Structures are given as C-alpha cells and as structure tokens.
Amino acid sequence: MLKMLSGNTHPAVIEPGRFGAPRYPPYFYYDGIAEIPEEQIADALEGKWPSVIRGNNTPRFETGHENYLWLNKLKAVGTGEARLVGDHLEVCYSVYALR
C-alpha cells in the first residue's frame, strides 16, 4: 500500500444558523495520508490514478471572529475519499471533533 502525504488549505463555510451565528468563513487547513492499494501503485506512478482514493486527515481551524474562537482550540480527525468524476476530482470527507 502506497501512503501519500497530502495537504490543503481553504476557507470553511459554517452554514447560517447552524451554530447560532451568521455565515462566516474561518480559515481551515489540514494534512493527512491518502492510501493507494498495492495493485494500483504502478499505474498511479505513471499518472493513471485509481477511481477512488481513501484517506484520513487532521483538520485545524483559525479564526479571529469572536463567535468562532472555540474553533481555534478544536482538535479533529477526518476520514473520506477522493473520486475521479469526469475530468475533475471530487473530495468528500467527514470531520469529527475529539473531546
């Protein structure tokens, strides 16, 4: 199994009313490990990616907005997958708070 380190940064959007505050995008970044099964490693190294790549991540949040300061202290883990859909990559994962 090939494990690839991955990372990304983007704004996260908290939907209106979900936490009793207006829509506001805190800064969100994460890293993690993507796993490619043994039988697909040779193809992946040649640029032929599998249709589904599963992985885990450890997201972090940063914000200065007073309603979301609690996010700065939150520890979380995520699990999900990336799928090739036509000519683009669709990423879907779930994030869980550790308490």
N, C-alpha and C. Protein backbone atom coordinates (compact mmCIF):
# COMPACT_ATOMS: atom_id res chain seq x y z
N MET A 1 0.85 -1.17 0.00
CA MET A 1 0.00 0.00 0.00
C MET A 1 0.89 1.23 0.00
N LEU A 2 0.64 2.14 -0.93
CA LEU A 2 1.36 3.40 -1.02
C LEU A 2 0.60 4.43 -0.20
N LYS A 3 1.29 5.08 0.72
CA LYS A 3 0.65 6.12 1.52
C LYS A 3 1.27 7.45 1.11
N MET A 4 0.44 8.35 0.65
CA MET A 4 0.90 9.65 0.19
C MET A 4 0.46 10.72 1.17
N LEU A 5 1.39 11.58 1.55
CA LEU A 5 1.02 12.71 2.40
C LEU A 5 0.32 13.74 1.54
N SER A 6 -0.76 14.28 2.04
CA SER A 6 -1.47 15.30 1.29
C SER A 6 -1.76 16.47 2.22
N GLY A 7 -2.01 17.61 1.65
CA GLY A 7 -2.36 18.78 2.44
C GLY A 7 -3.11 19.77 1.60
N ASN A 8 -3.90 20.60 2.25
CA ASN A 8 -4.68 21.59 1.52
C ASN A 8 -5.09 22.69 2.49
N THR A 9 -5.41 23.84 1.92
CA THR A 9 -5.85 24.98 2.72
C THR A 9 -7.00 25.65 1.99
N HIS A 10 -8.05 25.97 2.69
CA HIS A 10 -9.16 26.70 2.09
C HIS A 10 -10.06 27.24 3.19
N PRO A 11 -10.92 28.23 2.81
CA PRO A 11 -11.88 28.70 3.80
C PRO A 11 -12.97 27.67 4.00
N ALA A 12 -13.43 27.52 5.21
CA ALA A 12 -14.55 26.63 5.51
C ALA A 12 -15.78 27.50 5.69
N VAL A 13 -16.91 27.00 5.31
CA VAL A 13 -18.14 27.78 5.46
C VAL A 13 -19.03 27.11 6.49
N ILE A 14 -19.39 27.85 7.51
CA ILE A 14 -20.32 27.36 8.51
C ILE A 14 -21.68 27.91 8.12
N GLU A 15 -22.63 27.03 7.89
CA GLU A 15 -23.94 27.44 7.39
C GLU A 15 -24.67 28.34 8.38
N PRO A 16 -25.48 29.26 7.86
CA PRO A 16 -26.23 30.18 8.73
C PRO A 16 -27.11 29.42 9.70
N GLY A 17 -27.10 29.84 10.95
CA GLY A 17 -27.96 29.26 11.95
C GLY A 17 -27.45 27.97 12.57
N ARG A 18 -26.48 27.32 11.93
CA ARG A 18 -26.01 26.03 12.44
C ARG A 18 -25.43 26.18 13.84
N PHE A 19 -24.67 27.25 14.07
CA PHE A 19 -24.08 27.49 15.39
C PHE A 19 -24.63 28.79 15.98
N GLY A 20 -25.78 29.22 15.49
CA GLY A 20 -26.42 30.42 16.02
C GLY A 20 -25.73 31.71 15.65
N ALA A 21 -25.01 31.72 14.54
CA ALA A 21 -24.28 32.91 14.12
C ALA A 21 -24.40 33.06 12.61
N PRO A 22 -24.15 34.26 12.10
CA PRO A 22 -24.24 34.45 10.65
C PRO A 22 -23.14 33.69 9.91
N ARG A 23 -23.33 33.51 8.63
CA ARG A 23 -22.36 32.82 7.78
C ARG A 23 -21.02 33.55 7.85
N TYR A 24 -19.95 32.81 8.12
CA TYR A 24 -18.61 33.40 8.22
C TYR A 24 -17.58 32.33 7.90
N PRO A 25 -16.66 32.57 6.99
CA PRO A 25 -15.69 31.53 6.64
C PRO A 25 -14.40 31.58 7.46
N PRO A 26 -14.23 30.74 8.47
CA PRO A 26 -12.94 30.67 9.17
C PRO A 26 -11.90 30.01 8.27
N TYR A 27 -10.63 30.22 8.56
CA TYR A 27 -9.53 29.62 7.82
C TYR A 27 -9.41 28.16 8.24
N PHE A 28 -9.28 27.26 7.28
CA PHE A 28 -9.32 25.82 7.52
C PHE A 28 -8.17 25.17 6.76
N TYR A 29 -7.35 24.38 7.46
CA TYR A 29 -6.27 23.68 6.77
C TYR A 29 -6.10 22.29 7.37
N TYR A 30 -5.51 21.40 6.59
CA TYR A 30 -5.37 20.02 7.05
C TYR A 30 -4.26 19.31 6.29
N ASP A 31 -3.79 18.23 6.88
CA ASP A 31 -2.89 17.32 6.18
C ASP A 31 -3.37 15.92 6.49
N GLY A 32 -2.83 14.95 5.79
CA GLY A 32 -3.29 13.59 6.02
C GLY A 32 -2.55 12.59 5.17
N ILE A 33 -3.08 11.40 5.10
CA ILE A 33 -2.47 10.30 4.34
C ILE A 33 -3.52 9.73 3.40
N ALA A 34 -3.17 9.66 2.10
CA ALA A 34 -4.03 9.01 1.11
C ALA A 34 -3.46 7.62 0.86
N GLU A 35 -4.32 6.63 0.78
CA GLU A 35 -3.87 5.25 0.61
C GLU A 35 -4.25 4.70 -0.77
N ILE A 36 -3.24 4.15 -1.46
CA ILE A 36 -3.46 3.53 -2.76
C ILE A 36 -3.10 2.05 -2.64
N PRO A 37 -4.04 1.14 -2.96
CA PRO A 37 -3.78 -0.29 -2.84
C PRO A 37 -2.58 -0.75 -3.68
N GLU A 38 -1.87 -1.78 -3.20
CA GLU A 38 -0.68 -2.34 -3.86
C GLU A 38 -0.86 -2.53 -5.36
N GLU A 39 -1.99 -3.12 -5.74
CA GLU A 39 -2.20 -3.45 -7.15
C GLU A 39 -2.37 -2.22 -8.04
N GLN A 40 -2.52 -1.03 -7.45
CA GLN A 40 -2.71 0.18 -8.25
C GLN A 40 -1.52 1.13 -8.19
N ILE A 41 -0.47 0.76 -7.48
CA ILE A 41 0.69 1.64 -7.30
C ILE A 41 1.40 1.92 -8.62
N ALA A 42 1.68 0.89 -9.41
CA ALA A 42 2.39 1.08 -10.68
C ALA A 42 1.64 2.05 -11.59
N ASP A 43 0.32 1.87 -11.68
CA ASP A 43 -0.49 2.77 -12.51
C ASP A 43 -0.45 4.20 -11.97
N ALA A 44 -0.55 4.35 -10.65
CA ALA A 44 -0.53 5.69 -10.04
C ALA A 44 0.79 6.40 -10.32
N LEU A 45 1.90 5.67 -10.27
CA LEU A 45 3.21 6.27 -10.53
C LEU A 45 3.35 6.71 -11.99
N GLU A 46 2.53 6.16 -12.88
CA GLU A 46 2.52 6.55 -14.29
C GLU A 46 1.44 7.59 -14.58
N GLY A 47 0.78 8.09 -13.53
CA GLY A 47 -0.23 9.12 -13.70
C GLY A 47 -1.63 8.59 -13.96
N LYS A 48 -1.84 7.30 -13.86
CA LYS A 48 -3.16 6.69 -14.04
C LYS A 48 -3.74 6.41 -12.65
N TRP A 49 -4.43 7.39 -12.12
CA TRP A 49 -4.92 7.30 -10.76
C TRP A 49 -6.14 6.39 -10.64
N PRO A 50 -6.27 5.71 -9.50
CA PRO A 50 -7.46 4.89 -9.28
C PRO A 50 -8.71 5.77 -9.22
N SER A 51 -9.86 5.18 -9.48
CA SER A 51 -11.10 5.97 -9.49
C SER A 51 -11.48 6.45 -8.10
N VAL A 52 -11.02 5.75 -7.04
CA VAL A 52 -11.31 6.16 -5.66
C VAL A 52 -10.03 6.05 -4.83
N ILE A 53 -9.71 7.10 -4.08
CA ILE A 53 -8.58 7.09 -3.15
C ILE A 53 -9.14 7.42 -1.77
N ARG A 54 -8.92 6.54 -0.82
CA ARG A 54 -9.40 6.77 0.54
C ARG A 54 -8.26 7.34 1.40
N GLY A 55 -8.64 8.06 2.44
CA GLY A 55 -7.61 8.63 3.30
C GLY A 55 -8.16 9.19 4.59
N ASN A 56 -7.24 9.67 5.41
CA ASN A 56 -7.56 10.28 6.70
C ASN A 56 -6.86 11.62 6.79
N ASN A 57 -7.41 12.55 7.58
CA ASN A 57 -6.77 13.85 7.73
C ASN A 57 -6.94 14.38 9.15
N THR A 58 -6.21 15.44 9.43
CA THR A 58 -6.28 16.10 10.73
C THR A 58 -6.48 17.60 10.51
N PRO A 59 -7.74 18.03 10.38
CA PRO A 59 -8.01 19.44 10.10
C PRO A 59 -7.77 20.35 11.31
N ARG A 60 -7.42 21.60 11.01
CA ARG A 60 -7.27 22.65 12.02
C ARG A 60 -7.99 23.89 11.53
N PHE A 61 -8.48 24.69 12.46
CA PHE A 61 -9.21 25.91 12.13
C PHE A 61 -8.49 27.10 12.76
N GLU A 62 -8.56 28.25 12.07
CA GLU A 62 -8.05 29.50 12.63
C GLU A 62 -9.05 30.60 12.30
N THR A 63 -9.43 31.36 13.31
CA THR A 63 -10.32 32.49 13.09
C THR A 63 -10.11 33.53 14.19
N GLY A 64 -10.39 34.76 13.85
CA GLY A 64 -10.36 35.83 14.84
C GLY A 64 -11.77 36.30 15.18
N HIS A 65 -12.76 35.75 14.52
CA HIS A 65 -14.15 36.14 14.74
C HIS A 65 -14.60 35.68 16.13
N GLU A 66 -15.15 36.57 16.91
CA GLU A 66 -15.48 36.25 18.31
C GLU A 66 -16.47 35.10 18.46
N ASN A 67 -17.35 34.89 17.50
CA ASN A 67 -18.30 33.79 17.60
C ASN A 67 -17.68 32.42 17.37
N TYR A 68 -16.49 32.38 16.78
CA TYR A 68 -15.87 31.11 16.42
C TYR A 68 -14.51 30.87 17.07
N LEU A 69 -14.18 31.61 18.10
CA LEU A 69 -12.88 31.43 18.75
C LEU A 69 -12.69 30.02 19.29
N TRP A 70 -13.78 29.34 19.62
CA TRP A 70 -13.71 27.96 20.12
C TRP A 70 -13.10 27.03 19.07
N LEU A 71 -13.24 27.37 17.78
CA LEU A 71 -12.65 26.53 16.72
C LEU A 71 -11.13 26.50 16.80
N ASN A 72 -10.51 27.58 17.28
CA ASN A 72 -9.05 27.64 17.37
C ASN A 72 -8.48 26.58 18.30
N LYS A 73 -9.27 26.11 19.26
CA LYS A 73 -8.81 25.11 20.23
C LYS A 73 -9.28 23.70 19.88
N LEU A 74 -10.10 23.57 18.85
CA LEU A 74 -10.68 22.28 18.49
C LEU A 74 -9.65 21.33 17.88
N LYS A 75 -9.61 20.11 18.37
CA LYS A 75 -8.81 19.04 17.77
C LYS A 75 -9.77 18.14 17.03
N ALA A 76 -9.43 17.77 15.79
CA ALA A 76 -10.37 16.98 14.99
C ALA A 76 -9.63 15.97 14.12
N VAL A 77 -10.36 14.97 13.67
CA VAL A 77 -9.86 13.99 12.71
C VAL A 77 -10.92 13.84 11.62
N GLY A 78 -10.46 13.47 10.43
CA GLY A 78 -11.39 13.29 9.32
C GLY A 78 -11.06 12.02 8.56
N THR A 79 -12.06 11.50 7.88
CA THR A 79 -11.88 10.34 7.02
C THR A 79 -12.77 10.52 5.80
N GLY A 80 -12.30 10.06 4.65
CA GLY A 80 -13.10 10.23 3.45
C GLY A 80 -12.43 9.66 2.23
N GLU A 81 -12.87 10.17 1.07
CA GLU A 81 -12.34 9.66 -0.18
C GLU A 81 -12.36 10.73 -1.25
N ALA A 82 -11.52 10.52 -2.25
CA ALA A 82 -11.48 11.36 -3.44
C ALA A 82 -11.84 10.47 -4.63
N ARG A 83 -12.71 10.97 -5.50
CA ARG A 83 -13.16 10.21 -6.67
C ARG A 83 -12.92 11.02 -7.94
N LEU A 84 -12.48 10.34 -8.99
CA LEU A 84 -12.39 10.97 -10.29
C LEU A 84 -13.79 10.98 -10.90
N VAL A 85 -14.29 12.17 -11.18
CA VAL A 85 -15.62 12.33 -11.78
C VAL A 85 -15.41 13.11 -13.07
N GLY A 86 -15.42 12.41 -14.19
CA GLY A 86 -15.12 13.07 -15.46
C GLY A 86 -13.68 13.53 -15.46
N ASP A 87 -13.48 14.83 -15.63
CA ASP A 87 -12.11 15.37 -15.66
C ASP A 87 -11.73 16.11 -14.38
N HIS A 88 -12.52 15.94 -13.31
CA HIS A 88 -12.17 16.62 -12.06
C HIS A 88 -12.22 15.65 -10.88
N LEU A 89 -11.63 16.08 -9.79
CA LEU A 89 -11.55 15.28 -8.57
C LEU A 89 -12.61 15.77 -7.59
N GLU A 90 -13.46 14.88 -7.11
CA GLU A 90 -14.48 15.20 -6.12
C GLU A 90 -14.04 14.62 -4.78
N VAL A 91 -13.92 15.48 -3.77
CA VAL A 91 -13.44 15.05 -2.46
C VAL A 91 -14.58 15.16 -1.46
N CYS A 92 -14.79 14.10 -0.70
CA CYS A 92 -15.85 14.09 0.31
C CYS A 92 -15.29 13.44 1.57
N TYR A 93 -15.37 14.11 2.69
CA TYR A 93 -14.90 13.53 3.94
C TYR A 93 -15.72 14.02 5.11
N SER A 94 -15.67 13.26 6.17
CA SER A 94 -16.36 13.62 7.41
C SER A 94 -15.31 14.03 8.44
N VAL A 95 -15.64 15.02 9.22
CA VAL A 95 -14.72 15.53 10.25
C VAL A 95 -15.38 15.36 11.62
N TYR A 96 -14.60 14.85 12.57
CA TYR A 96 -15.09 14.59 13.92
C TYR A 96 -14.24 15.33 14.96
N ALA A 97 -14.90 15.96 15.91
CA ALA A 97 -14.20 16.67 16.99
C ALA A 97 -13.77 15.63 18.04
N LEU A 98 -12.55 15.80 18.54
CA LEU A 98 -12.05 14.96 19.63
C LEU A 98 -12.29 15.72 20.94
N ARG A 99 -12.93 15.06 21.87
CA ARG A 99 -13.22 15.73 23.14
C ARG A 99 -12.87 14.85 24.28
